[in-house]
Amino acid sequence: MTTALRDLGVTGDVLTQAEKDQLDRDGFLPLEGILTVAEVSALNKRLAELTAAEGDRAGLEVHQEKGTDRLADLVNKDEKFEVCFSHPRVLAAMQHVLGEFKLSSLNSRAALPGEGHQALHADSGHPVQPGEYEVCNSIWLLDDFTPENGATRVVPGSHRRGTLPADEMPDPADPHPDQIQLTGKAGTVVIFNSHLWHGGTHNQTQSPRRALHSYYTQRHLPQQLDQQSYIRLETYKRLTPAQHFILAVTS
């Protein structure tokens, strides 16, 4: 782990102490300007091409969701997506939350106009005690996230409660009195502890609200998408040994 992260540029000062403290306290951390305008445009163009090409099968490797366009297994679908599992700031945040970790899946989700609302949930599906975190996610904003277009809602600090939304709420689809929305500019990456209560909101605009999800888990746990089973030879040859380690793939 130490060698792989060093080779990918993760040093002790990649995240500030204030950023680590915010991630510990609130359960989320916005990292602005991770992607340039040109990179956002290129990713959106490629996702549109893949969505059109895959049609009804889009997202089947992991999950399909009514009211959204989803894609999965993006590790294999263009080298443009490598930044999503190789960026040192993101990897440093994952190490801070999880310790020894690996990529679980790299997917995209676009909430379509009039759609996208989700119940509050935690990605683990079971409660954990503070500090015993198993999974952590990153949302790569490919559009500006606004209150109107379905920006993700979170309940700050809820990752430390040791409960799930359904344990405390009659209906987790309802608003929570402490929830906020993760608004921000396209090109921002929001790290969030996946035990944080979170969910998509209703897209009230006439355009899709697009994002990538680069999702990580502790190394001893199963991946959402078994990277070893899916890795293509041409992808493996293109990647570095450090990236192989993050994906947990071997030749």
Foldseek 3Di string as FASTA:
>chain_A
DVVLLVVLPADPVLDDPVQLVQCQQFQKGKDAQQDDPVLLVVVVVQLVVVCVVCPPCAPVLFDDDPQKGKHWPVLARDPSCVCVLRPNSQVNSCCSQAPAKAWQIKMKIWRAAQGFQDFWWFPVNAFDARSNAWKKKKKQFSAFDDPQAWAKKWQTRQNHVRGIPVVPDVTSSDDDPRIDGDGDHHNMMMIGRRSTTMGTRTRNDRGIGMIMMGMMGHPVDHGSRQCQVPPDPVSVVVDDPSNCSNNVYDD
